[in-house]
C-alpha cells in the first residue's frame, strides 16, 4: 500500500514539474483528446478538437513568442510513431490557419478601401450636383440620395479598415505563435 502511494506521489511530482517547465501544458488521457471525436480519419488527417483549440488559445494569449506546447500522456499510452504524425498535423493546421487569417485580413482591407473610395466618389458627385445643378427637383432628389450613401459607404469602409482588421489580429497572433512553437510529449 505504501509503495502504491509513493508511486502516485512520484507521478504527481513529475507531472507538476512538467507543468511548470513548459509554457503551455495539456494533460491527455489519450492522443484522441487532441482531435475531434467525430472525425474517424487517421491522426495525420483528423480535424483538431474545438476544446483543444480553445484551451490552447487561452493558454497562449499572454505568452511570449517562443512557446513550448507540451502534452503529457500516460506512460502506457505513449507511442512515438503517433507523436511524429501528430506534430506534423498540428504544424500543418496552424500554418494553414495562419495563412487563412492573413488572407481574410487582406480581403477585409481591400473591401474597406473599395467601400471608402466609393463613398468618397459619391460625395464628390454630390458636391458636383450641388455646384452645377442647383434648383431642379430631380437634381435635389439625387443630392438627397447621394450624400447619405456616400457617407455610409465611406464610414463602412473605414470601419472595415480599422475595427474588423483589428479584431482579426488576435487570431492571427495565436496561429503565428503556434506555428513557431516547440511541440513535445512527456509521460506522467
Foldseek 3Di string as FASTA:
>chain_A
DVVVVVVVVVQVVVVVVVPVPFQAEDEDAAPCQQFDPPFPDQLLDTHGDPVNVVSLLVSCLPDDLAGAYEYEYAPVRDDPVSVVSNVVSQLVVLVVVLVVLVVVLVVLLVQLVVLQVVLVVLVVVLVVLCVPPPDDPVSVVSSVVSNVSSVVSNVVSVCSNPPVSVVSVSVSSSSSSSNNYHYYYHYD
